[in-house]
N, C-alpha and C. Protein backbone atom coordinates (compact mmCIF):
# COMPACT_ATOMS: atom_id res chain seq x y z
N UNK A 1 -11.52 32.25 3.75
CA UNK A 1 -12.05 30.43 3.69
C UNK A 1 -9.97 30.09 3.05
N UNK A 2 -9.37 29.17 3.80
CA UNK A 2 -8.09 28.59 3.71
C UNK A 2 -8.05 27.31 2.18
N UNK A 3 -6.98 27.56 1.47
CA UNK A 3 -7.15 26.50 0.45
C UNK A 3 -6.65 25.30 1.02
N UNK A 4 -7.28 24.26 0.79
CA UNK A 4 -6.28 22.87 1.16
C UNK A 4 -5.65 22.36 -0.15
N UNK A 5 -4.22 21.73 0.33
CA UNK A 5 -3.45 21.17 -0.42
C UNK A 5 -3.77 19.93 -1.05
N UNK A 6 -3.82 19.70 -2.27
CA UNK A 6 -3.98 18.73 -2.76
C UNK A 6 -4.00 17.16 -1.95
N UNK A 7 -4.55 16.37 -1.99
CA UNK A 7 -4.42 14.97 -1.38
C UNK A 7 -4.12 14.06 -2.03
N UNK A 8 -3.13 12.76 -1.65
CA UNK A 8 -2.87 11.65 -2.74
C UNK A 8 -3.20 10.33 -1.86
N UNK A 9 -4.19 9.79 -2.50
CA UNK A 9 -4.55 8.52 -1.86
C UNK A 9 -3.97 7.08 -2.83
N UNK A 10 -3.38 6.25 -2.07
CA UNK A 10 -2.67 5.52 -2.42
C UNK A 10 -3.28 4.14 -1.58
N UNK A 11 -2.81 3.00 -2.38
CA UNK A 11 -3.49 1.82 -1.85
C UNK A 11 -2.48 0.48 -2.11
N UNK A 12 -1.73 0.21 -1.04
CA UNK A 12 -0.43 -0.81 -0.99
C UNK A 12 -1.75 -2.31 -0.40
N UNK A 13 -0.90 -3.67 -1.14
CA UNK A 13 -1.38 -4.85 -0.63
C UNK A 13 -0.05 -5.12 0.27
N UNK A 14 -0.82 -5.69 1.24
CA UNK A 14 0.41 -5.97 2.39
C UNK A 14 0.03 -7.55 3.05
N UNK A 15 1.71 -8.03 3.34
CA UNK A 15 1.23 -9.11 3.95
C UNK A 15 1.91 -9.23 4.94
N UNK A 16 1.14 -10.21 5.98
CA UNK A 16 2.16 -10.94 7.05
C UNK A 16 1.16 -9.93 8.72
N UNK A 17 -0.32 -9.64 8.19
CA UNK A 17 -0.71 -9.07 9.25
C UNK A 17 -1.84 -9.98 9.78
N UNK A 18 -1.77 -10.36 10.62
CA UNK A 18 -2.79 -11.63 11.16
C UNK A 18 -3.69 -10.75 12.55
N UNK A 19 -3.71 -9.94 12.80
CA UNK A 19 -4.64 -8.92 13.79
C UNK A 19 -4.68 -7.56 13.42
N UNK A 20 -5.78 -7.26 14.83
CA UNK A 20 -5.73 -5.41 14.76
C UNK A 20 -4.10 -5.00 15.52
N UNK A 21 -3.92 -5.95 16.05
CA UNK A 21 -2.48 -5.13 17.08
C UNK A 21 -1.65 -4.80 15.46
N UNK A 22 -1.56 -6.31 14.89
CA UNK A 22 -0.55 -5.67 13.30
C UNK A 22 -0.97 -4.59 12.94
N UNK A 23 -2.25 -4.52 12.58
CA UNK A 23 -2.81 -3.07 11.74
C UNK A 23 -2.57 -2.05 12.49
N UNK A 24 -2.21 -1.94 13.81
CA UNK A 24 -2.20 -0.65 14.65
C UNK A 24 -0.59 -0.54 14.60
N UNK A 25 0.28 -1.59 14.37
CA UNK A 25 1.57 -1.43 14.47
C UNK A 25 1.99 -0.79 12.90
N UNK A 26 1.51 -1.27 11.79
CA UNK A 26 1.73 -0.60 10.78
C UNK A 26 0.82 0.23 10.43
N UNK A 27 -0.60 1.44 11.02
CA UNK A 27 -0.78 2.41 10.74
C UNK A 27 -0.08 3.51 11.58
N UNK A 28 0.32 3.43 13.08
CA UNK A 28 1.12 4.13 13.70
C UNK A 28 2.75 4.47 12.61
N UNK A 29 3.52 2.96 12.01
CA UNK A 29 4.78 3.29 11.30
C UNK A 29 4.44 4.17 10.40
N UNK A 30 3.24 4.03 9.96
CA UNK A 30 3.09 4.91 8.29
C UNK A 30 2.56 6.05 8.90
N UNK A 31 2.00 6.18 9.92
CA UNK A 31 1.57 7.87 9.83
C UNK A 31 3.00 8.74 10.64
N UNK A 32 3.91 8.50 10.51
CA UNK A 32 5.21 8.81 11.18
C UNK A 32 5.76 9.45 9.91
N UNK A 33 4.96 9.15 8.68
CA UNK A 33 6.09 9.43 7.16
C UNK A 33 5.84 10.95 6.83
N UNK A 34 6.50 11.48 6.24
CA UNK A 34 6.38 12.86 5.83
C UNK A 34 4.85 13.23 5.30
N UNK A 35 4.42 13.95 5.37
CA UNK A 35 2.98 14.48 4.64
C UNK A 35 1.64 13.28 4.87
N UNK A 36 1.76 12.38 5.33
CA UNK A 36 0.88 11.20 6.04
C UNK A 36 -0.13 12.07 6.93
N UNK A 37 -1.42 11.75 6.45
CA UNK A 37 -2.67 12.64 7.36
C UNK A 37 -3.42 11.40 7.62
N UNK A 38 -3.59 10.42 7.30
CA UNK A 38 -4.40 9.31 7.38
C UNK A 38 -4.24 7.85 6.82
N UNK A 39 -4.47 6.62 7.99
CA UNK A 39 -4.16 5.66 7.10
C UNK A 39 -5.37 4.82 7.78
N UNK A 40 -5.36 3.73 6.74
CA UNK A 40 -6.69 2.77 7.28
C UNK A 40 -6.44 1.52 6.64
N UNK A 41 -6.37 0.68 7.50
CA UNK A 41 -5.96 -0.76 7.03
C UNK A 41 -7.61 -1.87 6.85
N UNK A 42 -7.55 -2.80 5.29
CA UNK A 42 -8.61 -3.20 5.18
C UNK A 42 -7.86 -5.33 5.73
N UNK A 43 -8.33 -5.07 7.15
CA UNK A 43 -7.01 -6.35 7.30
C UNK A 43 -7.94 -7.83 6.76
N UNK A 44 -7.12 -8.21 6.48
CA UNK A 44 -7.29 -10.00 5.60
C UNK A 44 -6.19 -10.65 6.60
N UNK A 45 -6.79 -11.44 7.70
CA UNK A 45 -5.74 -12.28 8.67
C UNK A 45 -4.92 -13.09 7.82
N UNK A 46 -3.78 -13.25 7.81
CA UNK A 46 -3.16 -14.55 7.04
C UNK A 46 -3.52 -14.56 5.51
N UNK A 47 -3.51 -13.33 5.18
CA UNK A 47 -4.12 -12.84 3.64
C UNK A 47 -3.08 -11.64 3.61
N UNK A 48 -3.32 -11.28 2.00
CA UNK A 48 -3.21 -9.89 1.77
C UNK A 48 -3.69 -9.14 2.30
N UNK A 49 -3.36 -7.81 3.22
CA UNK A 49 -4.54 -6.59 3.44
C UNK A 49 -4.16 -5.30 2.37
N UNK A 50 -5.36 -4.95 2.21
CA UNK A 50 -4.78 -3.30 1.57
C UNK A 50 -5.04 -2.23 2.92
N UNK A 51 -4.01 -1.62 2.65
CA UNK A 51 -3.65 -0.58 3.32
C UNK A 51 -3.90 0.64 2.43
N UNK A 52 -4.80 1.77 2.71
CA UNK A 52 -4.97 3.50 1.92
C UNK A 52 -4.09 4.23 2.94
N UNK A 53 -3.22 4.45 2.17
CA UNK A 53 -2.95 5.89 2.75
C UNK A 53 -2.86 7.36 2.19
N UNK A 54 -3.71 8.06 3.00
CA UNK A 54 -3.84 9.62 2.19
C UNK A 54 -2.82 10.46 2.80
N UNK A 55 -2.07 11.51 2.05
CA UNK A 55 -1.28 12.47 2.09
C UNK A 55 -0.70 13.78 1.57
N UNK A 56 -0.45 14.34 1.76
CA UNK A 56 -0.08 15.64 0.81
C UNK A 56 0.66 15.49 -0.31
N UNK A 57 1.25 14.46 -0.58
CA UNK A 57 2.53 13.75 -1.75
C UNK A 57 2.32 11.98 -1.71
N UNK A 58 2.29 12.05 -2.79
CA UNK A 58 2.87 10.81 -3.13
C UNK A 58 4.22 9.77 -2.32
N UNK A 59 3.80 8.53 -1.92
CA UNK A 59 4.77 7.86 -1.15
C UNK A 59 5.54 7.18 -2.24
N UNK A 60 7.11 6.88 -2.28
CA UNK A 60 7.62 5.42 -3.22
C UNK A 60 7.36 4.38 -2.22
N UNK A 61 7.19 2.91 -2.98
CA UNK A 61 6.84 1.74 -2.81
C UNK A 61 7.92 1.60 -1.39
N UNK A 62 9.39 1.95 -1.87
CA UNK A 62 10.48 1.59 -0.81
C UNK A 62 10.31 2.42 0.17
N UNK A 63 10.43 3.81 0.48
CA UNK A 63 9.89 4.50 1.66
C UNK A 63 8.42 3.40 2.55
N UNK A 64 7.51 3.06 1.73
CA UNK A 64 6.66 2.18 2.42
C UNK A 64 6.92 0.65 3.02
N UNK A 65 7.78 0.28 1.76
CA UNK A 65 8.20 -0.99 2.72
C UNK A 65 9.01 -1.05 3.79
N UNK A 66 9.89 -0.21 3.76
CA UNK A 66 10.69 0.64 4.57
C UNK A 66 10.11 0.91 5.84
N UNK A 67 9.25 1.06 6.32
CA UNK A 67 7.96 1.43 7.19
C UNK A 67 7.68 0.43 7.72
N UNK A 68 7.61 -0.69 6.51
CA UNK A 68 6.45 -2.11 6.96
C UNK A 68 7.57 -2.55 7.59
N UNK A 69 8.54 -3.01 7.10
CA UNK A 69 10.02 -3.13 8.00
C UNK A 69 9.97 -3.24 9.43
N UNK A 70 10.06 -1.59 9.56
CA UNK A 70 10.15 -0.86 11.02
C UNK A 70 9.21 -1.65 12.13
N UNK A 71 7.58 -1.81 11.47
CA UNK A 71 6.55 -1.91 12.11
C UNK A 71 6.54 -3.15 12.88
N UNK A 72 7.05 -4.09 12.02
CA UNK A 72 7.07 -5.77 12.00
C UNK A 72 7.42 -6.41 11.04
N UNK A 73 7.15 -7.72 10.93
CA UNK A 73 7.58 -8.77 9.53
C UNK A 73 6.00 -8.40 8.23
N UNK A 74 5.95 -7.49 8.07
CA UNK A 74 4.88 -6.95 7.01
C UNK A 74 6.01 -6.65 5.73
N UNK A 75 5.49 -7.06 5.11
CA UNK A 75 5.66 -6.54 3.09
C UNK A 75 4.89 -6.33 2.59
N UNK A 76 5.47 -5.29 1.26
CA UNK A 76 4.44 -5.08 0.18
C UNK A 76 4.03 -6.99 -0.74
N UNK A 77 2.97 -6.96 -0.88
CA UNK A 77 2.67 -8.01 -1.78
C UNK A 77 3.15 -7.58 -3.34
């Protein structure tokens, strides 16, 4: 049996997402970050959405903010 690395789950509050396409863009961009194994989005259109990132290590707010900017006009709340 192989030993699993511990996983970190972080929740980020994100503004600027309005639809499923936005959530998809954010998901794809965050999945490209080192160590990220899963991303889920609780979309609140035109509000503050919750993005949960599961990874092998904790991500800094700066790294996530940069990925959000790359995905579109999205920002940490």
